[in-house]
Amino acid sequence: MMLKVNFTSPKLNQLYIRLIGSSILASLGIMLGLIPQISLKSAEIDPLMTISLSANAYGQQFTPAETESYAKAGYELELLRREVYQEIKNLIDEPLPNIACDQRSTLDNLKPEVKNIANRYCTESRQIVQRHNLSINRFNQLKTQYDRQDRFYQQVQQVLLKLQN
């Protein structure tokens, strides 16, 4: 399932970049075992999965290769997250459950078909991060740096813009 988005409007472009960037990074953190709390909630206009993560502060050093890897992994994670959200939404006719990849209890209480999708999501998320040559710990460090919205944040946003062209 491919996500098709029109990025021609400058305001939409900026919104999508922020949305995708934040969601990707949050998804990566969840998949990599950050303090994982995924809350699937339906919004009025566009249903999105709300992800809440926290982590300790880490060093501020990063390479251009890590910046690109982090942005690409985050982008892929956001696409996966949206696909999984839609799959789960199509299966159940009730509010979407909270899913935390590192908290087995949130997965154990799911209906079998939703549990399979959630397990697949967690596995694929870890694989995406690793495919982009990042360890889970390093990804979490970069996510912490990204959340500060400093130079690293700006560099990740530039990579995301290039990915969209």
N, C-alpha and C. Protein backbone atom coordinates (compact mmCIF):
# COMPACT_ATOMS: atom_id res chain seq x y z
N MET A 1 0.85 -1.17 0.00
CA MET A 1 0.00 0.00 0.00
C MET A 1 0.89 1.23 0.00
N MET A 2 0.78 2.07 -1.00
CA MET A 2 1.60 3.26 -1.13
C MET A 2 0.81 4.48 -0.67
N LEU A 3 1.50 5.37 -0.02
CA LEU A 3 0.91 6.61 0.43
C LEU A 3 1.14 7.65 -0.65
N LYS A 4 0.07 8.27 -1.14
CA LYS A 4 0.19 9.29 -2.17
C LYS A 4 -0.19 10.62 -1.56
N VAL A 5 0.73 11.57 -1.61
CA VAL A 5 0.51 12.88 -1.01
C VAL A 5 0.91 13.95 -2.01
N ASN A 6 0.13 15.00 -2.10
CA ASN A 6 0.45 16.12 -2.98
C ASN A 6 1.28 17.13 -2.19
N PHE A 7 2.53 17.30 -2.58
CA PHE A 7 3.43 18.21 -1.89
C PHE A 7 3.61 19.53 -2.64
N THR A 8 2.67 19.89 -3.50
CA THR A 8 2.85 21.08 -4.32
C THR A 8 2.56 22.37 -3.57
N SER A 9 1.70 22.36 -2.60
CA SER A 9 1.39 23.55 -1.84
C SER A 9 2.50 23.81 -0.81
N PRO A 10 3.06 25.03 -0.77
CA PRO A 10 4.14 25.30 0.19
C PRO A 10 3.72 25.08 1.64
N LYS A 11 2.51 25.48 2.00
CA LYS A 11 2.06 25.29 3.38
C LYS A 11 1.90 23.81 3.69
N LEU A 12 1.33 23.07 2.75
CA LEU A 12 1.18 21.63 2.94
C LEU A 12 2.54 20.96 2.99
N ASN A 13 3.44 21.41 2.14
CA ASN A 13 4.79 20.85 2.11
C ASN A 13 5.45 20.98 3.47
N GLN A 14 5.38 22.14 4.05
CA GLN A 14 5.99 22.38 5.36
C GLN A 14 5.30 21.53 6.43
N LEU A 15 3.99 21.44 6.37
CA LEU A 15 3.25 20.64 7.33
C LEU A 15 3.62 19.17 7.20
N TYR A 16 3.66 18.67 5.97
CA TYR A 16 4.01 17.26 5.76
C TYR A 16 5.43 16.96 6.20
N ILE A 17 6.33 17.86 5.96
CA ILE A 17 7.72 17.64 6.38
C ILE A 17 7.79 17.52 7.89
N ARG A 18 7.15 18.41 8.58
CA ARG A 18 7.16 18.33 10.05
C ARG A 18 6.44 17.09 10.55
N LEU A 19 5.30 16.81 9.95
CA LEU A 19 4.52 15.65 10.36
C LEU A 19 5.29 14.36 10.11
N ILE A 20 5.81 14.23 8.93
CA ILE A 20 6.55 13.02 8.57
C ILE A 20 7.81 12.91 9.41
N GLY A 21 8.53 14.01 9.54
CA GLY A 21 9.76 13.98 10.33
C GLY A 21 9.52 13.57 11.77
N SER A 22 8.54 14.18 12.38
CA SER A 22 8.23 13.86 13.77
C SER A 22 7.73 12.43 13.92
N SER A 23 6.85 12.05 13.05
CA SER A 23 6.29 10.69 13.14
C SER A 23 7.33 9.62 12.88
N ILE A 24 8.17 9.88 11.92
CA ILE A 24 9.22 8.91 11.60
C ILE A 24 10.15 8.72 12.78
N LEU A 25 10.57 9.82 13.32
CA LEU A 25 11.50 9.73 14.43
C LEU A 25 10.85 9.09 15.65
N ALA A 26 9.63 9.42 15.89
CA ALA A 26 8.94 8.81 17.02
C ALA A 26 8.74 7.31 16.78
N SER A 27 8.36 6.97 15.58
CA SER A 27 8.18 5.55 15.25
C SER A 27 9.47 4.77 15.40
N LEU A 28 10.53 5.36 14.93
CA LEU A 28 11.83 4.69 15.06
C LEU A 28 12.17 4.47 16.52
N GLY A 29 11.93 5.47 17.32
CA GLY A 29 12.22 5.34 18.74
C GLY A 29 11.43 4.21 19.37
N ILE A 30 10.18 4.10 18.99
CA ILE A 30 9.34 3.04 19.52
C ILE A 30 9.86 1.68 19.08
N MET A 31 10.15 1.58 17.83
CA MET A 31 10.61 0.30 17.30
C MET A 31 11.95 -0.10 17.89
N LEU A 32 12.72 0.87 18.25
CA LEU A 32 14.03 0.59 18.77
C LEU A 32 14.04 0.43 20.27
N GLY A 33 12.92 0.56 20.89
CA GLY A 33 12.84 0.30 22.31
C GLY A 33 13.00 1.52 23.19
N LEU A 34 12.75 2.68 22.66
CA LEU A 34 12.71 3.86 23.52
C LEU A 34 11.56 3.66 24.50
N ILE A 35 11.39 4.60 25.37
CA ILE A 35 10.27 4.49 26.29
C ILE A 35 9.03 4.52 25.41
N PRO A 36 8.50 3.34 25.11
CA PRO A 36 7.55 3.22 24.02
C PRO A 36 6.10 3.34 24.43
N GLN A 37 5.49 4.33 23.96
CA GLN A 37 4.07 4.48 24.18
C GLN A 37 3.46 4.95 22.88
N ILE A 38 2.77 4.06 22.22
CA ILE A 38 2.09 4.43 20.98
C ILE A 38 0.62 4.51 21.29
N SER A 39 0.06 5.60 20.95
CA SER A 39 -1.37 5.75 21.18
C SER A 39 -2.03 5.98 19.83
N LEU A 40 -2.87 5.09 19.44
CA LEU A 40 -3.58 5.22 18.17
C LEU A 40 -4.89 5.95 18.44
N LYS A 41 -5.01 7.13 17.90
CA LYS A 41 -6.22 7.91 18.12
C LYS A 41 -6.71 8.43 16.78
N SER A 42 -7.97 8.59 16.68
CA SER A 42 -8.57 9.10 15.46
C SER A 42 -8.76 10.61 15.58
N ALA A 43 -8.26 11.34 14.60
CA ALA A 43 -8.44 12.78 14.57
C ALA A 43 -9.67 13.10 13.72
N GLU A 44 -10.15 14.33 13.81
CA GLU A 44 -11.36 14.69 13.08
C GLU A 44 -11.15 14.63 11.57
N ILE A 45 -10.05 15.18 11.10
CA ILE A 45 -9.85 15.27 9.65
C ILE A 45 -9.00 14.13 9.13
N ASP A 46 -7.84 13.97 9.70
CA ASP A 46 -6.91 12.96 9.22
C ASP A 46 -6.48 12.09 10.39
N PRO A 47 -6.87 10.83 10.39
CA PRO A 47 -6.50 9.97 11.51
C PRO A 47 -5.00 9.74 11.53
N LEU A 48 -4.42 9.97 12.67
CA LEU A 48 -2.98 9.78 12.82
C LEU A 48 -2.72 9.02 14.10
N MET A 49 -1.62 8.34 14.13
CA MET A 49 -1.21 7.65 15.34
C MET A 49 -0.38 8.66 16.14
N THR A 50 -0.75 8.87 17.36
CA THR A 50 0.00 9.75 18.23
C THR A 50 1.04 8.93 18.95
N ILE A 51 2.27 9.37 18.89
CA ILE A 51 3.35 8.61 19.51
C ILE A 51 3.99 9.50 20.57
N SER A 52 4.14 8.96 21.72
CA SER A 52 4.75 9.70 22.81
C SER A 52 5.99 8.96 23.26
N LEU A 53 7.12 9.62 23.20
CA LEU A 53 8.38 9.00 23.59
C LEU A 53 9.17 9.93 24.48
N SER A 54 10.01 9.35 25.30
CA SER A 54 10.95 10.16 26.06
C SER A 54 12.23 9.38 26.20
N ALA A 55 13.31 10.10 26.33
CA ALA A 55 14.61 9.44 26.45
C ALA A 55 15.56 10.38 27.19
N ASN A 56 16.61 9.82 27.70
CA ASN A 56 17.62 10.64 28.35
C ASN A 56 18.43 11.40 27.31
N ALA A 57 19.00 12.49 27.72
CA ALA A 57 19.84 13.27 26.82
C ALA A 57 21.14 12.54 26.57
N TYR A 58 21.61 12.61 25.34
CA TYR A 58 22.84 11.96 24.95
C TYR A 58 23.76 13.00 24.33
N GLY A 59 24.92 12.55 23.91
CA GLY A 59 25.89 13.44 23.28
C GLY A 59 25.32 14.11 22.04
N GLN A 60 25.90 15.23 21.67
CA GLN A 60 25.38 16.01 20.56
C GLN A 60 26.15 15.80 19.27
N GLN A 61 27.03 14.84 19.21
CA GLN A 61 27.83 14.63 18.03
C GLN A 61 27.10 13.70 17.06
N PHE A 62 27.13 14.07 15.78
CA PHE A 62 26.52 13.26 14.74
C PHE A 62 27.24 13.55 13.43
N THR A 63 27.24 12.56 12.57
CA THR A 63 27.91 12.71 11.28
C THR A 63 26.87 12.98 10.19
N PRO A 64 27.31 13.49 9.05
CA PRO A 64 26.36 13.66 7.94
C PRO A 64 25.72 12.34 7.52
N ALA A 65 26.47 11.26 7.57
CA ALA A 65 25.91 9.95 7.22
C ALA A 65 24.82 9.54 8.21
N GLU A 66 25.04 9.82 9.48
CA GLU A 66 24.01 9.49 10.49
C GLU A 66 22.76 10.35 10.29
N THR A 67 22.96 11.59 9.93
CA THR A 67 21.84 12.49 9.68
C THR A 67 20.98 11.94 8.55
N GLU A 68 21.63 11.53 7.48
CA GLU A 68 20.89 10.98 6.34
C GLU A 68 20.22 9.66 6.70
N SER A 69 20.94 8.81 7.40
CA SER A 69 20.37 7.52 7.80
C SER A 69 19.16 7.71 8.70
N TYR A 70 19.28 8.62 9.64
CA TYR A 70 18.19 8.88 10.57
C TYR A 70 16.95 9.40 9.82
N ALA A 71 17.16 10.34 8.91
CA ALA A 71 16.04 10.90 8.15
C ALA A 71 15.38 9.84 7.28
N LYS A 72 16.17 9.04 6.59
CA LYS A 72 15.61 8.01 5.71
C LYS A 72 14.86 6.95 6.51
N ALA A 73 15.43 6.53 7.62
CA ALA A 73 14.78 5.53 8.45
C ALA A 73 13.46 6.09 8.99
N GLY A 74 13.50 7.31 9.46
CA GLY A 74 12.29 7.94 9.98
C GLY A 74 11.20 8.07 8.94
N TYR A 75 11.59 8.40 7.74
CA TYR A 75 10.63 8.52 6.64
C TYR A 75 9.96 7.17 6.37
N GLU A 76 10.75 6.13 6.29
CA GLU A 76 10.21 4.79 6.06
C GLU A 76 9.30 4.35 7.21
N LEU A 77 9.70 4.69 8.41
CA LEU A 77 8.88 4.33 9.57
C LEU A 77 7.53 5.01 9.54
N GLU A 78 7.51 6.25 9.12
CA GLU A 78 6.24 6.96 9.05
C GLU A 78 5.32 6.32 8.02
N LEU A 79 5.86 5.93 6.89
CA LEU A 79 5.05 5.25 5.89
C LEU A 79 4.49 3.93 6.43
N LEU A 80 5.33 3.19 7.13
CA LEU A 80 4.91 1.93 7.73
C LEU A 80 3.84 2.18 8.79
N ARG A 81 4.05 3.18 9.62
CA ARG A 81 3.09 3.49 10.68
C ARG A 81 1.72 3.80 10.11
N ARG A 82 1.68 4.57 9.04
CA ARG A 82 0.39 4.92 8.43
C ARG A 82 -0.30 3.69 7.84
N GLU A 83 0.48 2.84 7.23
CA GLU A 83 -0.06 1.61 6.65
C GLU A 83 -0.66 0.72 7.75
N VAL A 84 0.08 0.55 8.83
CA VAL A 84 -0.37 -0.29 9.94
C VAL A 84 -1.60 0.31 10.60
N TYR A 85 -1.60 1.59 10.77
CA TYR A 85 -2.77 2.26 11.36
C TYR A 85 -4.02 1.95 10.54
N GLN A 86 -3.90 2.07 9.22
CA GLN A 86 -5.05 1.83 8.36
C GLN A 86 -5.49 0.37 8.41
N GLU A 87 -4.53 -0.55 8.43
CA GLU A 87 -4.87 -1.97 8.52
C GLU A 87 -5.66 -2.27 9.79
N ILE A 88 -5.18 -1.73 10.90
CA ILE A 88 -5.86 -1.98 12.17
C ILE A 88 -7.24 -1.32 12.18
N LYS A 89 -7.30 -0.12 11.66
CA LYS A 89 -8.58 0.60 11.62
C LYS A 89 -9.60 -0.16 10.79
N ASN A 90 -9.15 -0.81 9.71
CA ASN A 90 -10.07 -1.58 8.86
C ASN A 90 -10.54 -2.87 9.53
N LEU A 91 -9.79 -3.36 10.50
CA LEU A 91 -10.13 -4.62 11.16
C LEU A 91 -11.09 -4.45 12.34
N ILE A 92 -10.96 -3.34 13.02
CA ILE A 92 -11.77 -3.18 14.23
C ILE A 92 -12.65 -1.94 14.11
N ASP A 93 -13.83 -2.06 14.66
CA ASP A 93 -14.79 -0.96 14.63
C ASP A 93 -14.94 -0.38 16.03
N GLU A 94 -13.82 0.05 16.56
CA GLU A 94 -13.77 0.62 17.90
C GLU A 94 -12.52 1.49 17.99
N PRO A 95 -12.37 2.24 19.06
CA PRO A 95 -11.17 3.06 19.19
C PRO A 95 -9.91 2.18 19.09
N LEU A 96 -8.92 2.70 18.42
CA LEU A 96 -7.69 1.93 18.25
C LEU A 96 -6.95 1.80 19.57
N PRO A 97 -6.36 0.64 19.79
CA PRO A 97 -5.70 0.39 21.08
C PRO A 97 -4.34 1.08 21.19
N ASN A 98 -3.89 1.24 22.42
CA ASN A 98 -2.54 1.72 22.66
C ASN A 98 -1.60 0.54 22.46
N ILE A 99 -0.54 0.76 21.70
CA ILE A 99 0.43 -0.30 21.43
C ILE A 99 1.81 0.23 21.74
N ALA A 100 2.54 -0.50 22.57
CA ALA A 100 3.92 -0.15 22.89
C ALA A 100 4.78 -1.39 22.61
N CYS A 101 5.67 -1.26 21.65
CA CYS A 101 6.46 -2.41 21.20
C CYS A 101 7.29 -3.03 22.32
N ASP A 102 7.74 -2.27 23.24
CA ASP A 102 8.58 -2.83 24.31
C ASP A 102 7.79 -3.19 25.57
N GLN A 103 6.48 -3.08 25.49
CA GLN A 103 5.64 -3.48 26.61
C GLN A 103 4.72 -4.60 26.14
N ARG A 104 5.14 -5.83 26.38
CA ARG A 104 4.41 -7.01 25.92
C ARG A 104 2.94 -6.98 26.33
N SER A 105 2.66 -6.43 27.49
CA SER A 105 1.27 -6.44 27.97
C SER A 105 0.34 -5.68 27.02
N THR A 106 0.84 -4.64 26.34
CA THR A 106 -0.02 -3.90 25.41
C THR A 106 -0.29 -4.72 24.15
N LEU A 107 0.58 -5.65 23.85
CA LEU A 107 0.38 -6.52 22.68
C LEU A 107 -0.45 -7.75 23.05
N ASP A 108 -0.27 -8.25 24.26
CA ASP A 108 -0.95 -9.47 24.68
C ASP A 108 -2.46 -9.32 24.75
N ASN A 109 -2.94 -8.12 25.00
CA ASN A 109 -4.37 -7.89 25.17
C ASN A 109 -5.10 -7.58 23.86
N LEU A 110 -4.39 -7.66 22.74
CA LEU A 110 -5.00 -7.34 21.45
C LEU A 110 -5.70 -8.56 20.86
N LYS A 111 -6.66 -8.29 19.99
CA LYS A 111 -7.28 -9.36 19.23
C LYS A 111 -6.19 -10.01 18.38
N PRO A 112 -6.29 -11.30 18.12
CA PRO A 112 -5.22 -12.01 17.40
C PRO A 112 -4.80 -11.35 16.08
N GLU A 113 -5.77 -10.91 15.27
CA GLU A 113 -5.41 -10.32 13.99
C GLU A 113 -4.70 -8.97 14.17
N VAL A 114 -5.09 -8.21 15.17
CA VAL A 114 -4.44 -6.92 15.45
C VAL A 114 -3.07 -7.18 16.07
N LYS A 115 -2.97 -8.17 16.91
CA LYS A 115 -1.69 -8.53 17.53
C LYS A 115 -0.66 -8.91 16.47
N ASN A 116 -1.09 -9.66 15.46
CA ASN A 116 -0.17 -10.03 14.38
C ASN A 116 0.35 -8.80 13.65
N ILE A 117 -0.54 -7.86 13.37
CA ILE A 117 -0.13 -6.62 12.69
C ILE A 117 0.81 -5.82 13.57
N ALA A 118 0.50 -5.71 14.85
CA ALA A 118 1.34 -4.95 15.78
C ALA A 118 2.72 -5.59 15.91
N ASN A 119 2.77 -6.91 16.00
CA ASN A 119 4.07 -7.60 16.08
C ASN A 119 4.89 -7.38 14.82
N ARG A 120 4.21 -7.45 13.68
CA ARG A 120 4.89 -7.20 12.41
C ARG A 120 5.45 -5.77 12.37
N TYR A 121 4.65 -4.82 12.83
CA TYR A 121 5.07 -3.42 12.87
C TYR A 121 6.33 -3.26 13.72
N CYS A 122 6.33 -3.84 14.89
CA CYS A 122 7.49 -3.73 15.78
C CYS A 122 8.74 -4.34 15.15
N THR A 123 8.58 -5.50 14.54
CA THR A 123 9.70 -6.17 13.90
C THR A 123 10.22 -5.37 12.71
N GLU A 124 9.32 -4.93 11.85
CA GLU A 124 9.72 -4.17 10.67
C GLU A 124 10.35 -2.84 11.05
N SER A 125 9.89 -2.24 12.12
CA SER A 125 10.46 -0.96 12.57
C SER A 125 11.92 -1.14 12.95
N ARG A 126 12.20 -2.17 13.71
CA ARG A 126 13.59 -2.45 14.10
C ARG A 126 14.44 -2.71 12.87
N GLN A 127 13.90 -3.47 11.92
CA GLN A 127 14.64 -3.79 10.71
C GLN A 127 14.94 -2.54 9.88
N ILE A 128 14.00 -1.63 9.82
CA ILE A 128 14.21 -0.39 9.07
C ILE A 128 15.37 0.38 9.67
N VAL A 129 15.37 0.52 10.97
CA VAL A 129 16.45 1.26 11.64
C VAL A 129 17.79 0.59 11.37
N GLN A 130 17.84 -0.71 11.52
CA GLN A 130 19.09 -1.44 11.31
C GLN A 130 19.52 -1.40 9.85
N ARG A 131 18.58 -1.43 8.92
CA ARG A 131 18.91 -1.36 7.49
C ARG A 131 19.58 -0.03 7.14
N HIS A 132 19.31 0.98 7.93
CA HIS A 132 19.92 2.29 7.70
C HIS A 132 21.16 2.48 8.56
N ASN A 133 21.75 1.37 8.94
CA ASN A 133 23.04 1.36 9.65
C ASN A 133 23.02 2.11 10.97
N LEU A 134 21.93 2.03 11.67
CA LEU A 134 21.82 2.63 12.99
C LEU A 134 21.47 1.55 14.00
N SER A 135 22.09 1.63 15.15
CA SER A 135 21.67 0.75 16.24
C SER A 135 20.46 1.41 16.90
N ILE A 136 19.75 0.64 17.67
CA ILE A 136 18.60 1.19 18.38
C ILE A 136 19.05 2.29 19.33
N ASN A 137 20.14 2.04 20.04
CA ASN A 137 20.64 3.06 20.97
C ASN A 137 21.03 4.34 20.25
N ARG A 138 21.72 4.18 19.11
CA ARG A 138 22.15 5.38 18.38
C ARG A 138 20.95 6.12 17.81
N PHE A 139 19.98 5.40 17.32
CA PHE A 139 18.78 6.04 16.83
C PHE A 139 18.11 6.86 17.93
N ASN A 140 18.03 6.28 19.12
CA ASN A 140 17.43 6.99 20.25
C ASN A 140 18.21 8.24 20.61
N GLN A 141 19.53 8.16 20.52
CA GLN A 141 20.36 9.34 20.79
C GLN A 141 20.06 10.42 19.75
N LEU A 142 19.97 10.03 18.50
CA LEU A 142 19.69 11.00 17.44
C LEU A 142 18.28 11.57 17.57
N LYS A 143 17.35 10.76 18.02
CA LYS A 143 15.99 11.26 18.22
C LYS A 143 15.96 12.33 19.30
N THR A 144 16.72 12.11 20.35
CA THR A 144 16.81 13.11 21.42
C THR A 144 17.39 14.41 20.86
N GLN A 145 18.41 14.28 20.05
CA GLN A 145 19.03 15.46 19.43
C GLN A 145 18.03 16.14 18.49
N TYR A 146 17.31 15.38 17.73
CA TYR A 146 16.32 15.92 16.79
C TYR A 146 15.24 16.70 17.54
N ASP A 147 14.80 16.17 18.66
CA ASP A 147 13.74 16.82 19.43
C ASP A 147 14.14 18.20 19.95
N ARG A 148 15.40 18.47 20.03
CA ARG A 148 15.87 19.79 20.49
C ARG A 148 15.66 20.86 19.43
N GLN A 149 15.38 20.45 18.21
CA GLN A 149 15.14 21.35 17.08
C GLN A 149 16.27 22.35 16.88
N ASP A 150 17.47 21.84 16.93
CA ASP A 150 18.62 22.69 16.68
C ASP A 150 19.20 22.38 15.29
N ARG A 151 20.49 22.44 15.17
CA ARG A 151 21.17 22.23 13.88
C ARG A 151 20.86 20.85 13.30
N PHE A 152 20.86 19.83 14.12
CA PHE A 152 20.57 18.48 13.64
C PHE A 152 19.16 18.41 13.06
N TYR A 153 18.21 19.00 13.73
CA TYR A 153 16.83 19.05 13.25
C TYR A 153 16.77 19.66 11.85
N GLN A 154 17.44 20.78 11.68
CA GLN A 154 17.44 21.47 10.38
C GLN A 154 18.06 20.58 9.29
N GLN A 155 19.12 19.89 9.63
CA GLN A 155 19.78 19.02 8.66
C GLN A 155 18.87 17.84 8.28
N VAL A 156 18.18 17.28 9.25
CA VAL A 156 17.25 16.18 8.96
C VAL A 156 16.13 16.69 8.06
N GLN A 157 15.62 17.87 8.32
CA GLN A 157 14.56 18.45 7.49
C GLN A 157 15.03 18.62 6.04
N GLN A 158 16.27 19.01 5.86
CA GLN A 158 16.83 19.16 4.50
C GLN A 158 16.88 17.82 3.78
N VAL A 159 17.27 16.77 4.49
CA VAL A 159 17.29 15.43 3.89
C VAL A 159 15.87 15.00 3.52
N LEU A 160 14.92 15.27 4.39
CA LEU A 160 13.53 14.90 4.10
C LEU A 160 13.01 15.63 2.88
N LEU A 161 13.38 16.88 2.72
CA LEU A 161 12.98 17.63 1.52
C LEU A 161 13.55 16.98 0.26
N LYS A 162 14.78 16.57 0.32
CA LYS A 162 15.41 15.91 -0.83
C LYS A 162 14.72 14.60 -1.14
N LEU A 163 14.32 13.87 -0.13
CA LEU A 163 13.62 12.60 -0.35
C LEU A 163 12.29 12.79 -1.06
N GLN A 164 11.67 13.92 -0.85
CA GLN A 164 10.36 14.18 -1.44
C GLN A 164 10.46 14.63 -2.90
N ASN A 165 11.63 15.02 -3.31
CA ASN A 165 11.79 15.49 -4.71
C ASN A 165 12.15 14.37 -5.63
